[in-house]
Amino acid sequence: MSENTHDKLPIRMLHDRVLVRTDSPEGERRSGGGILIPATAAVGRRLSWAEVVAVGQNVRTVEIGDRVLYDPEDRAEVEVRGVAYVLMRERDLHAVAADRFQTSDSTGLYL
């Protein structure tokens, strides 16, 4: 799916809602060493990465295109034009990938 397709989503997020597209489908995954881990394997609480595709007017910390970390247990799924997305509140996000912040001239420190 191209980046321009996200601009044409037929919905508008309200308040503090964030719409994300997951990086990988649920199911089998590979470990860092290349071992295949089946979807049925019992693991502890595992967070997932996703890309932000739409934000509400009261969202302050993320922007469209950011990669965010979220808990897949706390989510509501929605399908728009045949594509599955996850809808959540901004406060349910755990982290934002640092790529956007590394390019700024500011250190982020208050000295």
N, C-alpha and C. Protein backbone atom coordinates (compact mmCIF):
# COMPACT_ATOMS: atom_id res chain seq x y z
N MET A 1 0.86 -1.19 0.00
CA MET A 1 0.00 0.00 0.00
C MET A 1 0.90 1.23 0.00
N SER A 2 0.64 2.19 -0.85
CA SER A 2 1.46 3.38 -0.94
C SER A 2 1.09 4.39 0.14
N GLU A 3 2.01 5.34 0.37
CA GLU A 3 1.79 6.37 1.39
C GLU A 3 0.59 7.25 1.03
N ASN A 4 0.35 7.48 -0.26
CA ASN A 4 -0.76 8.33 -0.68
C ASN A 4 -2.10 7.71 -0.35
N THR A 5 -2.16 6.39 -0.25
CA THR A 5 -3.41 5.72 0.06
C THR A 5 -3.89 6.11 1.46
N HIS A 6 -2.96 6.28 2.41
CA HIS A 6 -3.34 6.65 3.77
C HIS A 6 -4.01 8.03 3.80
N ASP A 7 -3.55 8.93 2.93
CA ASP A 7 -4.12 10.28 2.89
C ASP A 7 -5.58 10.25 2.47
N LYS A 8 -6.01 9.18 1.82
CA LYS A 8 -7.36 9.11 1.27
C LYS A 8 -8.27 8.19 2.07
N LEU A 9 -7.94 7.92 3.32
CA LEU A 9 -8.80 7.08 4.15
C LEU A 9 -10.15 7.76 4.30
N PRO A 10 -11.24 7.02 4.18
CA PRO A 10 -12.57 7.62 4.23
C PRO A 10 -13.09 7.86 5.64
N ILE A 11 -12.20 7.93 6.61
CA ILE A 11 -12.61 8.20 8.00
C ILE A 11 -11.73 9.28 8.59
N ARG A 12 -12.24 9.93 9.61
CA ARG A 12 -11.49 10.98 10.32
C ARG A 12 -11.50 10.60 11.79
N MET A 13 -10.32 10.55 12.39
CA MET A 13 -10.21 10.20 13.80
C MET A 13 -10.71 11.36 14.66
N LEU A 14 -11.32 11.04 15.78
CA LEU A 14 -11.82 12.04 16.71
C LEU A 14 -11.02 12.03 18.00
N HIS A 15 -10.99 13.16 18.66
CA HIS A 15 -10.42 13.33 20.00
C HIS A 15 -8.98 12.80 20.08
N ASP A 16 -8.73 11.84 20.99
CA ASP A 16 -7.37 11.33 21.20
C ASP A 16 -7.16 9.96 20.57
N ARG A 17 -7.90 9.66 19.52
CA ARG A 17 -7.82 8.34 18.88
C ARG A 17 -6.69 8.30 17.86
N VAL A 18 -6.07 7.12 17.76
CA VAL A 18 -4.97 6.88 16.83
C VAL A 18 -5.31 5.62 16.04
N LEU A 19 -5.14 5.66 14.73
CA LEU A 19 -5.36 4.50 13.87
C LEU A 19 -4.00 4.04 13.38
N VAL A 20 -3.69 2.75 13.59
CA VAL A 20 -2.39 2.22 13.20
C VAL A 20 -2.55 0.98 12.33
N ARG A 21 -1.53 0.72 11.53
CA ARG A 21 -1.45 -0.49 10.73
C ARG A 21 -0.30 -1.31 11.28
N THR A 22 -0.58 -2.55 11.65
CA THR A 22 0.45 -3.39 12.26
C THR A 22 1.53 -3.73 11.25
N ASP A 23 2.74 -3.91 11.75
CA ASP A 23 3.89 -4.23 10.89
C ASP A 23 3.80 -5.62 10.31
N SER A 24 3.36 -6.58 11.11
CA SER A 24 3.29 -7.95 10.63
C SER A 24 2.01 -8.59 11.11
N PRO A 25 1.49 -9.52 10.35
CA PRO A 25 0.26 -10.18 10.79
C PRO A 25 0.52 -11.06 12.00
N GLU A 26 -0.55 -11.29 12.77
CA GLU A 26 -0.45 -12.18 13.91
C GLU A 26 -0.12 -13.57 13.40
N GLY A 27 0.59 -14.33 14.18
CA GLY A 27 0.89 -15.69 13.77
C GLY A 27 2.35 -16.02 13.98
N GLU A 28 2.87 -16.85 13.10
CA GLU A 28 4.24 -17.30 13.24
C GLU A 28 5.21 -16.13 13.11
N ARG A 29 6.33 -16.24 13.80
CA ARG A 29 7.37 -15.22 13.71
C ARG A 29 8.72 -15.91 13.87
N ARG A 30 9.78 -15.20 13.56
CA ARG A 30 11.13 -15.77 13.68
C ARG A 30 11.89 -15.06 14.79
N SER A 31 12.70 -15.83 15.50
CA SER A 31 13.55 -15.26 16.53
C SER A 31 14.74 -14.59 15.87
N GLY A 32 15.55 -13.88 16.65
CA GLY A 32 16.74 -13.24 16.12
C GLY A 32 17.71 -14.23 15.52
N GLY A 33 17.70 -15.47 16.00
CA GLY A 33 18.57 -16.52 15.47
C GLY A 33 17.98 -17.28 14.31
N GLY A 34 16.76 -16.92 13.88
CA GLY A 34 16.14 -17.55 12.73
C GLY A 34 15.23 -18.71 13.05
N ILE A 35 14.99 -18.97 14.33
CA ILE A 35 14.11 -20.08 14.72
C ILE A 35 12.67 -19.66 14.52
N LEU A 36 11.87 -20.52 13.88
CA LEU A 36 10.46 -20.26 13.64
C LEU A 36 9.68 -20.50 14.93
N ILE A 37 8.93 -19.50 15.39
CA ILE A 37 8.12 -19.62 16.60
C ILE A 37 6.66 -19.65 16.18
N PRO A 38 5.95 -20.76 16.45
CA PRO A 38 4.55 -20.86 16.02
C PRO A 38 3.63 -19.90 16.77
N ALA A 39 2.51 -19.57 16.17
CA ALA A 39 1.56 -18.64 16.77
C ALA A 39 0.98 -19.19 18.07
N THR A 40 0.98 -20.50 18.22
CA THR A 40 0.39 -21.11 19.42
C THR A 40 1.36 -21.18 20.59
N ALA A 41 2.61 -20.78 20.39
CA ALA A 41 3.61 -20.83 21.47
C ALA A 41 3.23 -19.85 22.58
N ALA A 42 3.33 -20.32 23.81
CA ALA A 42 3.01 -19.48 24.96
C ALA A 42 4.19 -18.57 25.26
N VAL A 43 3.94 -17.27 25.21
CA VAL A 43 4.98 -16.29 25.54
C VAL A 43 4.37 -15.30 26.52
N GLY A 44 5.24 -14.58 27.18
CA GLY A 44 4.76 -13.54 28.08
C GLY A 44 4.11 -12.41 27.30
N ARG A 45 3.70 -11.42 28.01
CA ARG A 45 3.06 -10.27 27.37
C ARG A 45 4.05 -9.62 26.42
N ARG A 46 3.72 -9.61 25.13
CA ARG A 46 4.63 -9.12 24.10
C ARG A 46 4.00 -7.90 23.42
N LEU A 47 4.76 -6.81 23.34
CA LEU A 47 4.29 -5.60 22.66
C LEU A 47 4.57 -5.71 21.17
N SER A 48 3.84 -4.95 20.37
CA SER A 48 3.98 -4.98 18.91
C SER A 48 4.23 -3.59 18.36
N TRP A 49 4.87 -3.53 17.18
CA TRP A 49 5.12 -2.27 16.49
C TRP A 49 4.06 -2.06 15.42
N ALA A 50 3.72 -0.80 15.17
CA ALA A 50 2.76 -0.44 14.13
C ALA A 50 3.09 0.94 13.59
N GLU A 51 2.52 1.26 12.44
CA GLU A 51 2.70 2.58 11.82
C GLU A 51 1.42 3.39 11.98
N VAL A 52 1.55 4.64 12.41
CA VAL A 52 0.39 5.52 12.58
C VAL A 52 -0.07 5.98 11.20
N VAL A 53 -1.38 5.80 10.92
CA VAL A 53 -1.92 6.21 9.62
C VAL A 53 -2.93 7.34 9.74
N ALA A 54 -3.47 7.58 10.94
CA ALA A 54 -4.40 8.69 11.15
C ALA A 54 -4.44 9.03 12.64
N VAL A 55 -4.63 10.31 12.95
CA VAL A 55 -4.70 10.76 14.35
C VAL A 55 -5.86 11.74 14.52
N GLY A 56 -6.41 11.78 15.73
CA GLY A 56 -7.46 12.73 16.07
C GLY A 56 -6.87 14.10 16.36
N GLN A 57 -7.75 15.11 16.47
CA GLN A 57 -7.28 16.48 16.65
C GLN A 57 -6.64 16.73 18.02
N ASN A 58 -6.88 15.90 19.01
CA ASN A 58 -6.30 16.10 20.34
C ASN A 58 -5.06 15.25 20.60
N VAL A 59 -4.56 14.56 19.60
CA VAL A 59 -3.34 13.76 19.74
C VAL A 59 -2.15 14.70 19.68
N ARG A 60 -1.26 14.60 20.68
CA ARG A 60 -0.16 15.55 20.78
C ARG A 60 1.22 14.95 20.58
N THR A 61 1.40 13.65 20.81
CA THR A 61 2.75 13.11 20.84
C THR A 61 3.14 12.28 19.62
N VAL A 62 2.20 11.92 18.78
CA VAL A 62 2.54 11.13 17.59
C VAL A 62 2.02 11.82 16.34
N GLU A 63 2.65 11.49 15.22
CA GLU A 63 2.26 12.04 13.93
C GLU A 63 2.05 10.90 12.95
N ILE A 64 1.37 11.17 11.87
CA ILE A 64 1.18 10.17 10.83
C ILE A 64 2.55 9.76 10.30
N GLY A 65 2.76 8.46 10.18
CA GLY A 65 4.04 7.94 9.71
C GLY A 65 4.95 7.46 10.83
N ASP A 66 4.69 7.83 12.08
CA ASP A 66 5.50 7.38 13.21
C ASP A 66 5.31 5.89 13.44
N ARG A 67 6.36 5.24 13.93
CA ARG A 67 6.26 3.84 14.37
C ARG A 67 6.06 3.86 15.88
N VAL A 68 5.05 3.14 16.32
CA VAL A 68 4.70 3.15 17.75
C VAL A 68 4.65 1.73 18.29
N LEU A 69 4.86 1.63 19.60
CA LEU A 69 4.82 0.36 20.31
C LEU A 69 3.53 0.31 21.11
N TYR A 70 2.77 -0.79 20.99
CA TYR A 70 1.49 -0.90 21.67
C TYR A 70 1.28 -2.33 22.15
N ASP A 71 0.33 -2.51 23.04
CA ASP A 71 -0.01 -3.82 23.57
C ASP A 71 -1.13 -4.41 22.71
N PRO A 72 -0.89 -5.51 22.01
CA PRO A 72 -1.92 -6.07 21.13
C PRO A 72 -3.15 -6.58 21.89
N GLU A 73 -3.05 -6.74 23.20
CA GLU A 73 -4.20 -7.18 23.99
C GLU A 73 -5.22 -6.04 24.18
N ASP A 74 -4.73 -4.78 24.19
CA ASP A 74 -5.59 -3.61 24.40
C ASP A 74 -5.86 -2.92 23.08
N ARG A 75 -6.69 -3.52 22.26
CA ARG A 75 -6.91 -2.93 20.94
C ARG A 75 -8.30 -3.23 20.43
N ALA A 76 -8.72 -2.41 19.48
CA ALA A 76 -9.98 -2.62 18.77
C ALA A 76 -9.62 -2.63 17.29
N GLU A 77 -9.99 -3.69 16.59
CA GLU A 77 -9.67 -3.79 15.18
C GLU A 77 -10.80 -3.25 14.33
N VAL A 78 -10.43 -2.65 13.19
CA VAL A 78 -11.41 -2.13 12.25
C VAL A 78 -10.87 -2.39 10.85
N GLU A 79 -11.76 -2.67 9.92
CA GLU A 79 -11.36 -2.90 8.53
C GLU A 79 -11.86 -1.74 7.69
N VAL A 80 -10.96 -1.12 6.95
CA VAL A 80 -11.29 0.00 6.07
C VAL A 80 -10.79 -0.35 4.68
N ARG A 81 -11.71 -0.42 3.73
CA ARG A 81 -11.37 -0.76 2.34
C ARG A 81 -10.56 -2.05 2.25
N GLY A 82 -10.94 -3.04 3.05
CA GLY A 82 -10.30 -4.34 2.99
C GLY A 82 -8.97 -4.45 3.72
N VAL A 83 -8.53 -3.38 4.39
CA VAL A 83 -7.26 -3.41 5.13
C VAL A 83 -7.57 -3.36 6.62
N ALA A 84 -6.94 -4.23 7.40
CA ALA A 84 -7.18 -4.27 8.85
C ALA A 84 -6.30 -3.24 9.54
N TYR A 85 -6.91 -2.45 10.42
CA TYR A 85 -6.21 -1.44 11.22
C TYR A 85 -6.55 -1.68 12.69
N VAL A 86 -5.79 -1.04 13.56
CA VAL A 86 -6.05 -1.09 15.00
C VAL A 86 -6.36 0.32 15.45
N LEU A 87 -7.44 0.46 16.19
CA LEU A 87 -7.88 1.76 16.71
C LEU A 87 -7.63 1.78 18.21
N MET A 88 -6.99 2.85 18.71
CA MET A 88 -6.71 2.94 20.14
C MET A 88 -6.62 4.40 20.57
N ARG A 89 -6.57 4.60 21.87
CA ARG A 89 -6.36 5.94 22.41
C ARG A 89 -4.87 6.23 22.46
N GLU A 90 -4.52 7.49 22.40
CA GLU A 90 -3.11 7.87 22.44
C GLU A 90 -2.45 7.38 23.72
N ARG A 91 -3.15 7.39 24.82
CA ARG A 91 -2.55 6.97 26.09
C ARG A 91 -2.25 5.47 26.14
N ASP A 92 -2.80 4.68 25.20
CA ASP A 92 -2.52 3.26 25.15
C ASP A 92 -1.23 2.93 24.41
N LEU A 93 -0.58 3.93 23.81
CA LEU A 93 0.69 3.72 23.15
C LEU A 93 1.80 3.74 24.20
N HIS A 94 2.78 2.86 24.05
CA HIS A 94 3.86 2.75 25.03
C HIS A 94 5.11 3.53 24.63
N ALA A 95 5.37 3.67 23.32
CA ALA A 95 6.59 4.34 22.88
C ALA A 95 6.45 4.76 21.42
N VAL A 96 7.29 5.71 21.02
CA VAL A 96 7.39 6.15 19.63
C VAL A 96 8.83 5.91 19.20
N ALA A 97 9.03 5.32 18.02
CA ALA A 97 10.39 5.06 17.52
C ALA A 97 11.15 6.38 17.43
N ALA A 98 12.42 6.35 17.71
CA ALA A 98 13.23 7.56 17.85
C ALA A 98 13.73 8.15 16.54
N ASP A 99 13.42 7.56 15.38
CA ASP A 99 13.93 8.07 14.11
C ASP A 99 13.63 9.54 13.90
N ARG A 100 12.41 9.96 14.19
CA ARG A 100 12.01 11.35 13.99
C ARG A 100 12.77 12.28 14.93
N PHE A 101 13.06 11.83 16.12
CA PHE A 101 13.70 12.69 17.12
C PHE A 101 15.21 12.79 16.93
N GLN A 102 15.84 11.82 16.31
CA GLN A 102 17.28 11.83 16.12
C GLN A 102 17.72 12.89 15.11
N THR A 103 16.84 13.30 14.22
CA THR A 103 17.22 14.26 13.19
C THR A 103 17.15 15.71 13.66
N SER A 104 16.58 15.95 14.83
CA SER A 104 16.47 17.33 15.30
C SER A 104 17.81 17.82 15.86
N ASP A 105 18.01 19.13 15.85
CA ASP A 105 19.25 19.72 16.36
C ASP A 105 19.27 19.77 17.88
N SER A 106 18.12 19.71 18.50
CA SER A 106 18.04 19.81 19.95
C SER A 106 18.42 18.50 20.62
N THR A 107 19.06 18.59 21.77
CA THR A 107 19.43 17.39 22.51
C THR A 107 18.26 16.88 23.33
N GLY A 108 17.28 17.73 23.58
CA GLY A 108 16.16 17.33 24.39
C GLY A 108 16.43 17.46 25.87
N LEU A 109 17.61 17.91 26.23
CA LEU A 109 17.98 18.05 27.63
C LEU A 109 17.80 19.49 28.09
N TYR A 110 17.38 19.66 29.30
CA TYR A 110 17.24 20.99 29.88
C TYR A 110 18.42 21.21 30.81
N LEU A 111 19.40 21.98 30.36
CA LEU A 111 20.59 22.25 31.16
C LEU A 111 20.66 23.70 31.56
